[in-house]
Amino acid sequence: MAIKTANNQSMTAITSLPSGVSAQSMILLATETASSSATLDFTSDIDSTYKEYIFTFNDMHPATDAVEFEFQADTGTNTSYNQTITSTTFSAYHTEADDSAALSYAGGRDIAQGTTFQTLTHGLDNDNDSCCAGTLHIFNPSSTTFIKHFFSDVNVYNADGSQRCLHAGYFNTTTAITRFRFKMNSGNVDAGTIKMYGVV
């Protein structure tokens, strides 16, 4: 395998990429900002233009205490948001008091060929300074041949400390997915911003 070097051999003044190397870019497609919102929906710009979509979550704050941030998808112009999911999840946490920490499989939040919403967090408080932030990656949602993989990495701040929640799975459909919905499992999304990017 050949090592690629900058055309002008300088790492401090690169003016062009080496032959055979392409730049990967994230193209901002949509932004949804919560304000006591029941749901945050993305219903356009999800097509075969991009093979990967990334959603970023910034300071998602619930109106209700002890809830979970979650998502689902749908096809065409459908609005049931009940696609079949199989997933797995684990988390790591560390309390503010430094009296407890663990890394564990969280089987209770797995889905096995179910149509419920997939959780992205494992408990989110509504204290004024509590929120979650992270990312969700969806791969080739427009495929009409393969199932659709996803994974997420979200950190939660709550009264107990920091918890990193990781989920991965797939939508078991070969129909193109065209829309995504985000919400809390109880109550509204009080505040926060979700951005959707297409990856070139």
Foldseek 3Di string as FASTA:
>chain_A
DDDFAAPVNDPVDRPDGGPPDDDKDWAWDDKDKDAQAQKTKDFDPQAQPFQKKKKKWFFFAFPAFWWFKWKAFDADPDDPRFFFKFKWKWKWWAFPVRPDIDTGTDVVQGGDRGRDTRTQDRTWGRPPPWGKIWMKMWGRLQALPAWIKMKIWMWTQDNGGIMIMIMIITGPHSHRIRMMMMAIPDGGRNTIMMIMIGMD
